[in-house]
Amino acid sequence: MSTRIYSLARGMASANGTETIEATIMSTTLTDNLPDALRSVRTRPLFVMRLDVRKVQVVGATPGAFRRIGVVPGGSFEGERLSGEVLDGGSDWQTVRDDGATTLNVRLVLKTNDDALICMSYEGVRHGSPEVLEKIEKGEVVDPASYYFRTNPLFETAATKYGWINRIVAVGIGHRRADGPIYSIFEVL
């Protein structure tokens, strides 16, 4: 989107007595004057997480969408600032849309190696060509670069040591394997 700035200047009277107006048009975009901090997204690694999943429970075609639910009995996560296990009881409510994309709505509880509990929730989108998605559904190995799988985690904890995680936004890049997904999670700076 661009903004046009009009500069009008009165001209000289013409021979027929009318006045001419000269217009100068300067074009600028919203990004031209952005400070450097707003020109790109900076991240740093938070952790890598692997989830175990049970067989997906297929609810089927509901009035709103095709719904299925993945139960998460556990998993693990490792990072420089926090590592631990994913506790049993998480779930991944999936909506398979008409365009073939799957949206995720996930709730998990993380337990750090020093016994702090952290709630993690995220939504996400996974999509790709019909051929790649069919292979994923069958549990076949596919190249993670052959499809799009992104998430936006948020966290909550009462643990003072990890209080900083209550105030960050994260992004995740996922890959679906036969035994469950693996994610690289990054803190947005």
Foldseek 3Di string as FASTA:
>chain_A
DKDKDWDKDWADQDPVRHTDIDIDIDIDHPPPPDDPVPPDWDWDFDKKKWWFWDPKAFPQQDVVAGKIKTFTCKIWIDDPLWTFMWHGDKMWIWGQDPVRKIKTWIWTWGQTPVGWIKIKIKIKIKDADPVVVVCLVVQHDDDLVRIFIKMKMAMDTPDPSVRVSNPWIKMWGWDRGSRGIMITIITTD
